Amino acid sequence: QMTLKGDVYMNWEAGKAFQDPGVSIVMNNEDVTDQMVLTTEMNLTDPKPGFYTLTYGFTNPDGIVANSTRYVAVYSAEDPIAGYYVTAPESNRSGSAFAVGQFFPIKVQATNGGYAVNDLLGGYYDLGRGYGANYALAGVLSVDGSGAVSLESWTACPGWPDNPVESFESGSYDAATKTIHWVVGYAGTPFDVYVTKL
């Protein structure tokens, strides 16, 4: 049995040696964690900004393979906005709260002149309704020196290619709470999204 220690999604500052929470592996009541094989493209001693996958693998004597996965966002200290966020409880669709207690990881990645967000709808359809990634509305946001958030571009959901972004209310970034807020109009419905960095 393989058990992932720590969080599935993590943020980590670039240049600091990664302290991996690791996994524990027990087979026939014996600890065999030392037989685990870690696979990743991340430099664990001097991580560079980016998004990485850590895969922990174990193969028993019968050839049966077990794997666990962790996702790590490495961000620059000079640009702490990038990283993994989670949809906050304040998020709502036309006034109705998103599913409370569900974990919707949102990826905010630094790009030229802004931040690529994997789902401007806050994971509502992709994760909340379980429709999958074809129903995530990707876009690029910019954040100015005062914390104002603007929409620079967006890409149609592959599952609904004919549905455009109808409106976008200038949002905000709160450095103290590490929360980004925006309101996007989509399919005749306002999505009031709050995401907080993990």
C-alpha atoms as a PDB file:
ATOM      1  CA  GLN A   1       0.000   0.000   0.000  1.00  0.00           C
ATOM      2  CA  MET A   2       1.357   3.388  -1.021  1.00  0.00           C
ATOM      3  CA  THR A   3       0.326   6.512   0.905  1.00  0.00           C
ATOM      4  CA  LEU A   4       1.170  10.000  -0.292  1.00  0.00           C
ATOM      5  CA  LYS A   5       2.410  12.229   2.531  1.00  0.00           C
ATOM      6  CA  GLY A   6       1.615  15.935   2.532  1.00  0.00           C
ATOM      7  CA  ASP A   7      -0.454  17.735  -0.094  1.00  0.00           C
ATOM      8  CA  VAL A   8      -1.180  16.629  -3.649  1.00  0.00           C
ATOM      9  CA  TYR A   9      -0.789  20.235  -4.876  1.00  0.00           C
ATOM     10  CA  MET A  10       2.058  22.371  -3.561  1.00  0.00           C
ATOM     11  CA  ASN A  11       3.691  25.749  -4.206  1.00  0.00           C
ATOM     12  CA  TRP A  12       7.443  26.141  -3.748  1.00  0.00           C
ATOM     13  CA  GLU A  13       9.820  29.081  -4.012  1.00  0.00           C
ATOM     14  CA  ALA A  14      12.440  28.825  -6.748  1.00  0.00           C
ATOM     15  CA  GLY A  15      16.039  28.326  -5.684  1.00  0.00           C
ATOM     16  CA  LYS A  16      15.190  26.628  -2.396  1.00  0.00           C
ATOM     17  CA  ALA A  17      15.943  22.912  -2.166  1.00  0.00           C
ATOM     18  CA  PHE A  18      12.627  21.065  -2.325  1.00  0.00           C
ATOM     19  CA  GLN A  19      11.623  19.338   0.885  1.00  0.00           C
ATOM     20  CA  ASP A  20       9.634  16.429  -0.431  1.00  0.00           C
ATOM     21  CA  PRO A  21       7.036  15.074   2.018  1.00  0.00           C
ATOM     22  CA  GLY A  22       7.414  11.773   0.166  1.00  0.00           C
ATOM     23  CA  VAL A  23       5.333   8.628   0.455  1.00  0.00           C
ATOM     24  CA  SER A  24       5.160   5.580   2.648  1.00  0.00           C
ATOM     25  CA  ILE A  25       4.942   2.092   1.171  1.00  0.00           C
ATOM     26  CA  VAL A  26       3.961  -0.992   3.152  1.00  0.00           C
ATOM     27  CA  MET A  27       3.887  -4.492   1.672  1.00  0.00           C
ATOM     28  CA  ASN A  28       2.915  -7.503   3.771  1.00  0.00           C
ATOM     29  CA  ASN A  29       3.256  -5.363   6.943  1.00  0.00           C
ATOM     30  CA  GLU A  30       6.829  -4.459   5.977  1.00  0.00           C
ATOM     31  CA  ASP A  31       8.001  -0.909   5.260  1.00  0.00           C
ATOM     32  CA  VAL A  32       9.497  -0.939   1.753  1.00  0.00           C
ATOM     33  CA  THR A  33       9.538   2.825   1.185  1.00  0.00           C
ATOM     34  CA  ASP A  34      13.259   2.685   0.376  1.00  0.00           C
ATOM     35  CA  GLN A  35      12.379   0.793  -2.826  1.00  0.00           C
ATOM     36  CA  MET A  36      10.374   3.741  -4.169  1.00  0.00           C
ATOM     37  CA  VAL A  37      11.502   5.334  -7.448  1.00  0.00           C
ATOM     38  CA  LEU A  38      10.842   9.069  -7.928  1.00  0.00           C
ATOM     39  CA  THR A  39      10.431  10.403 -11.461  1.00  0.00           C
ATOM     40  CA  THR A  40      10.311  14.151 -12.202  1.00  0.00           C
ATOM     41  CA  GLU A  41      11.764  16.834 -14.459  1.00  0.00           C
ATOM     42  CA  MET A  42      12.042  19.188 -11.487  1.00  0.00           C
ATOM     43  CA  ASN A  43      15.519  19.985 -10.160  1.00  0.00           C
ATOM     44  CA  LEU A  44      14.960  19.114  -6.511  1.00  0.00           C
ATOM     45  CA  THR A  45      18.075  20.880  -5.203  1.00  0.00           C
ATOM     46  CA  ASP A  46      17.684  24.108  -7.215  1.00  0.00           C
ATOM     47  CA  PRO A  47      14.128  24.236  -8.578  1.00  0.00           C
ATOM     48  CA  LYS A  48      13.350  26.643 -11.406  1.00  0.00           C
ATOM     49  CA  PRO A  49       9.995  28.398 -11.934  1.00  0.00           C
ATOM     50  CA  GLY A  50       7.419  26.197 -13.610  1.00  0.00           C
ATOM     51  CA  PHE A  51       4.839  23.482 -13.009  1.00  0.00           C
ATOM     52  CA  TYR A  52       6.075  19.980 -12.304  1.00  0.00           C
ATOM     53  CA  THR A  53       4.778  16.487 -11.692  1.00  0.00           C
ATOM     54  CA  LEU A  54       6.436  14.170  -9.177  1.00  0.00           C
ATOM     55  CA  THR A  55       5.610  10.504  -9.702  1.00  0.00           C
ATOM     56  CA  TYR A  56       6.396   8.000  -6.966  1.00  0.00           C
ATOM     57  CA  GLY A  57       6.601   4.438  -8.241  1.00  0.00           C
ATOM     58  CA  PHE A  58       6.950   1.001  -6.706  1.00  0.00           C
ATOM     59  CA  THR A  59       6.959  -2.442  -8.300  1.00  0.00           C
ATOM     60  CA  ASN A  60       6.454  -5.522  -6.143  1.00  0.00           C
ATOM     61  CA  PRO A  61       8.134  -8.905  -6.807  1.00  0.00           C
ATOM     62  CA  ASP A  62       5.114  -9.999  -8.854  1.00  0.00           C
ATOM     63  CA  GLY A  63       5.510  -7.029 -11.190  1.00  0.00           C
ATOM     64  CA  ILE A  64       2.486  -5.157  -9.884  1.00  0.00           C
ATOM     65  CA  VAL A  65       3.077  -1.402 -10.131  1.00  0.00           C
ATOM     66  CA  ALA A  66       1.797   1.265  -7.729  1.00  0.00           C
ATOM     67  CA  ASN A  67       2.081   5.004  -8.410  1.00  0.00           C
ATOM     68  CA  SER A  68       1.221   8.232  -6.628  1.00  0.00           C
ATOM     69  CA  THR A  69       1.479  11.739  -8.055  1.00  0.00           C
ATOM     70  CA  ARG A  70       2.184  15.166  -6.602  1.00  0.00           C
ATOM     71  CA  TYR A  71       1.911  18.487  -8.476  1.00  0.00           C
ATOM     72  CA  VAL A  72       4.342  21.281  -7.602  1.00  0.00           C
ATOM     73  CA  ALA A  73       4.300  24.884  -8.819  1.00  0.00           C
ATOM     74  CA  VAL A  74       7.670  26.586  -8.438  1.00  0.00           C
ATOM     75  CA  TYR A  75       7.380  30.381  -8.364  1.00  0.00           C
ATOM     76  CA  SER A  76       9.917  33.202  -8.313  1.00  0.00           C
ATOM     77  CA  ALA A  77      10.209  35.260  -5.118  1.00  0.00           C
ATOM     78  CA  GLU A  78      10.078  38.356  -7.356  1.00  0.00           C
ATOM     79  CA  ASP A  79       6.748  37.214  -8.822  1.00  0.00           C
ATOM     80  CA  PRO A  80       4.778  35.395  -6.122  1.00  0.00           C
ATOM     81  CA  ILE A  81       1.426  35.447  -7.943  1.00  0.00           C
ATOM     82  CA  ALA A  82       2.084  32.335 -10.050  1.00  0.00           C
ATOM     83  CA  GLY A  83       1.226  28.968  -8.538  1.00  0.00           C
ATOM     84  CA  TYR A  84      -1.623  26.683  -7.572  1.00  0.00           C
ATOM     85  CA  TYR A  85      -4.799  28.253  -6.229  1.00  0.00           C
ATOM     86  CA  VAL A  86      -8.023  26.810  -4.894  1.00  0.00           C
ATOM     87  CA  THR A  87     -11.504  28.126  -5.606  1.00  0.00           C
ATOM     88  CA  ALA A  88     -12.641  29.953  -2.463  1.00  0.00           C
ATOM     89  CA  PRO A  89     -16.080  29.520  -0.799  1.00  0.00           C
ATOM     90  CA  GLU A  90     -17.146  33.029  -1.890  1.00  0.00           C
ATOM     91  CA  SER A  91     -17.222  31.891  -5.515  1.00  0.00           C
ATOM     92  CA  ASN A  92     -20.696  31.790  -6.998  1.00  0.00           C
ATOM     93  CA  ARG A  93     -22.568  31.332 -10.264  1.00  0.00           C
ATOM     94  CA  SER A  94     -25.377  33.845 -10.628  1.00  0.00           C
ATOM     95  CA  GLY A  95     -25.518  34.158  -6.831  1.00  0.00           C
ATOM     96  CA  SER A  96     -25.517  30.427  -6.093  1.00  0.00           C
ATOM     97  CA  ALA A  97     -22.380  29.204  -4.305  1.00  0.00           C
ATOM     98  CA  PHE A  98     -20.126  26.659  -5.944  1.00  0.00           C
ATOM     99  CA  ALA A  99     -20.169  23.214  -4.308  1.00  0.00           C
ATOM    100  CA  VAL A 100     -18.950  23.897  -0.783  1.00  0.00           C
ATOM    101  CA  GLY A 101     -16.114  21.750   0.493  1.00  0.00           C
ATOM    102  CA  GLN A 102     -14.955  20.585  -2.929  1.00  0.00           C
ATOM    103  CA  PHE A 103     -11.343  21.212  -3.879  1.00  0.00           C
ATOM    104  CA  PHE A 104     -10.951  22.920  -7.267  1.00  0.00           C
ATOM    105  CA  PRO A 105      -7.237  23.457  -8.008  1.00  0.00           C
ATOM    106  CA  ILE A 106      -6.664  26.373 -10.391  1.00  0.00           C
ATOM    107  CA  LYS A 107      -3.359  26.822 -12.208  1.00  0.00           C
ATOM    108  CA  VAL A 108      -2.020  30.400 -12.543  1.00  0.00           C
ATOM    109  CA  GLN A 109       1.105  30.450 -14.710  1.00  0.00           C
ATOM    110  CA  ALA A 110       3.282  33.489 -15.475  1.00  0.00           C
ATOM    111  CA  THR A 111       3.375  34.212 -19.188  1.00  0.00           C
ATOM    112  CA  ASN A 112       4.404  37.122 -21.389  1.00  0.00           C
ATOM    113  CA  GLY A 113       2.645  40.168 -19.980  1.00  0.00           C
ATOM    114  CA  GLY A 114       0.287  38.322 -17.671  1.00  0.00           C
ATOM    115  CA  TYR A 115      -0.871  35.102 -16.061  1.00  0.00           C
ATOM    116  CA  ALA A 116      -2.358  32.129 -17.887  1.00  0.00           C
ATOM    117  CA  VAL A 117      -5.300  30.724 -15.911  1.00  0.00           C
ATOM    118  CA  ASN A 118      -6.499  27.239 -16.788  1.00  0.00           C
ATOM    119  CA  ASP A 119     -10.154  27.986 -15.972  1.00  0.00           C
ATOM    120  CA  LEU A 120     -11.748  31.437 -15.687  1.00  0.00           C
ATOM    121  CA  LEU A 121     -14.924  29.678 -14.527  1.00  0.00           C
ATOM    122  CA  GLY A 122     -13.146  28.566 -11.359  1.00  0.00           C
ATOM    123  CA  GLY A 123     -13.463  24.852 -12.096  1.00  0.00           C
ATOM    124  CA  TYR A 124     -17.272  25.019 -12.033  1.00  0.00           C
ATOM    125  CA  TYR A 125     -17.947  22.723 -15.004  1.00  0.00           C
ATOM    126  CA  ASP A 126     -14.555  21.008 -15.350  1.00  0.00           C
ATOM    127  CA  LEU A 127     -14.284  19.794 -11.755  1.00  0.00           C
ATOM    128  CA  GLY A 128     -17.467  20.785  -9.936  1.00  0.00           C
ATOM    129  CA  ARG A 129     -19.822  19.176 -12.433  1.00  0.00           C
ATOM    130  CA  GLY A 130     -17.275  16.606 -13.536  1.00  0.00           C
ATOM    131  CA  TYR A 131     -17.520  17.521 -17.234  1.00  0.00           C
ATOM    132  CA  GLY A 132     -13.732  17.415 -17.670  1.00  0.00           C
ATOM    133  CA  ALA A 133     -11.057  19.727 -19.015  1.00  0.00           C
ATOM    134  CA  ASN A 134     -12.896  20.345 -22.315  1.00  0.00           C
ATOM    135  CA  TYR A 135     -15.265  22.526 -20.302  1.00  0.00           C
ATOM    136  CA  ALA A 136     -12.641  24.769 -18.735  1.00  0.00           C
ATOM    137  CA  LEU A 137     -12.395  28.340 -20.039  1.00  0.00           C
ATOM    138  CA  ALA A 138      -8.714  29.222 -20.320  1.00  0.00           C
ATOM    139  CA  GLY A 139      -7.573  32.838 -20.355  1.00  0.00           C
ATOM    140  CA  VAL A 140      -4.795  35.297 -19.632  1.00  0.00           C
ATOM    141  CA  LEU A 141      -5.123  37.876 -16.857  1.00  0.00           C
ATOM    142  CA  SER A 142      -2.931  40.868 -16.136  1.00  0.00           C
ATOM    143  CA  VAL A 143      -2.343  42.370 -12.688  1.00  0.00           C
ATOM    144  CA  ASP A 144      -1.187  45.988 -12.414  1.00  0.00           C
ATOM    145  CA  GLY A 145       0.767  47.637  -9.609  1.00  0.00           C
ATOM    146  CA  SER A 146      -2.415  48.496  -7.692  1.00  0.00           C
ATOM    147  CA  GLY A 147      -3.670  44.920  -7.827  1.00  0.00           C
ATOM    148  CA  ALA A 148      -6.316  45.525 -10.513  1.00  0.00           C
ATOM    149  CA  VAL A 149      -6.972  42.437 -12.633  1.00  0.00           C
ATOM    150  CA  SER A 150      -7.891  42.639 -16.326  1.00  0.00           C
ATOM    151  CA  LEU A 151      -8.690  40.037 -18.969  1.00  0.00           C
ATOM    152  CA  GLU A 152      -6.141  40.083 -21.788  1.00  0.00           C
ATOM    153  CA  SER A 153      -7.372  37.099 -23.798  1.00  0.00           C
ATOM    154  CA  TRP A 154      -9.407  33.928 -23.572  1.00  0.00           C
ATOM    155  CA  THR A 155      -9.749  30.606 -25.392  1.00  0.00           C
ATOM    156  CA  ALA A 156     -13.116  28.963 -26.010  1.00  0.00           C
ATOM    157  CA  CYS A 157     -13.970  25.793 -24.124  1.00  0.00           C
ATOM    158  CA  PRO A 158     -13.371  22.892 -26.539  1.00  0.00           C
ATOM    159  CA  GLY A 159     -16.659  21.387 -25.383  1.00  0.00           C
ATOM    160  CA  TRP A 160     -18.593  24.587 -26.175  1.00  0.00           C
ATOM    161  CA  PRO A 161     -16.564  26.218 -28.962  1.00  0.00           C
ATOM    162  CA  ASP A 162     -19.304  28.690 -29.915  1.00  0.00           C
ATOM    163  CA  ASN A 163     -19.767  30.200 -26.442  1.00  0.00           C
ATOM    164  CA  PRO A 164     -17.795  33.457 -26.050  1.00  0.00           C
ATOM    165  CA  VAL A 165     -16.836  35.448 -22.986  1.00  0.00           C
ATOM    166  CA  GLU A 166     -19.649  38.009 -22.835  1.00  0.00           C
ATOM    167  CA  SER A 167     -18.207  40.319 -20.182  1.00  0.00           C
ATOM    168  CA  PHE A 168     -15.419  40.718 -17.664  1.00  0.00           C
ATOM    169  CA  GLU A 169     -15.506  42.988 -14.628  1.00  0.00           C
ATOM    170  CA  SER A 170     -12.114  44.299 -13.598  1.00  0.00           C
ATOM    171  CA  GLY A 171     -11.074  42.172 -10.656  1.00  0.00           C
ATOM    172  CA  SER A 172      -8.464  42.448  -7.926  1.00  0.00           C
ATOM    173  CA  TYR A 173      -5.446  40.751  -6.412  1.00  0.00           C
ATOM    174  CA  ASP A 174      -5.057  40.915  -2.622  1.00  0.00           C
ATOM    175  CA  ALA A 175      -1.412  40.270  -1.772  1.00  0.00           C
ATOM    176  CA  ALA A 176      -2.172  39.890   1.938  1.00  0.00           C
ATOM    177  CA  THR A 177      -4.640  37.028   1.453  1.00  0.00           C
ATOM    178  CA  LYS A 178      -3.100  35.848  -1.858  1.00  0.00           C
ATOM    179  CA  THR A 179      -6.572  35.953  -3.412  1.00  0.00           C
ATOM    180  CA  ILE A 180      -7.471  36.811  -7.002  1.00  0.00           C
ATOM    181  CA  HIS A 181     -11.044  37.871  -7.763  1.00  0.00           C
ATOM    182  CA  TRP A 182     -12.837  38.397 -11.071  1.00  0.00           C
ATOM    183  CA  VAL A 183     -16.346  38.235 -12.546  1.00  0.00           C
ATOM    184  CA  VAL A 184     -16.767  36.751 -16.011  1.00  0.00           C
ATOM    185  CA  GLY A 185     -20.008  36.630 -17.984  1.00  0.00           C
ATOM    186  CA  TYR A 186     -20.420  33.338 -19.799  1.00  0.00           C
ATOM    187  CA  ALA A 187     -23.458  31.701 -21.447  1.00  0.00           C
ATOM    188  CA  GLY A 188     -25.711  34.421 -20.053  1.00  0.00           C
ATOM    189  CA  THR A 189     -24.506  33.816 -16.501  1.00  0.00           C
ATOM    190  CA  PRO A 190     -22.095  35.752 -14.259  1.00  0.00           C
ATOM    191  CA  PHE A 191     -19.369  33.659 -12.623  1.00  0.00           C
ATOM    192  CA  ASP A 192     -18.055  35.510  -9.562  1.00  0.00           C
ATOM    193  CA  VAL A 193     -14.744  33.744  -8.944  1.00  0.00           C
ATOM    194  CA  TYR A 194     -12.384  33.963  -5.983  1.00  0.00           C
ATOM    195  CA  VAL A 195      -9.225  31.844  -5.943  1.00  0.00           C
ATOM    196  CA  THR A 196      -6.749  31.715  -3.053  1.00  0.00           C
ATOM    197  CA  LYS A 197      -3.159  30.541  -3.356  1.00  0.00           C
ATOM    198  CA  LEU A 198      -2.341  27.309  -1.559  1.00  0.00           C
END
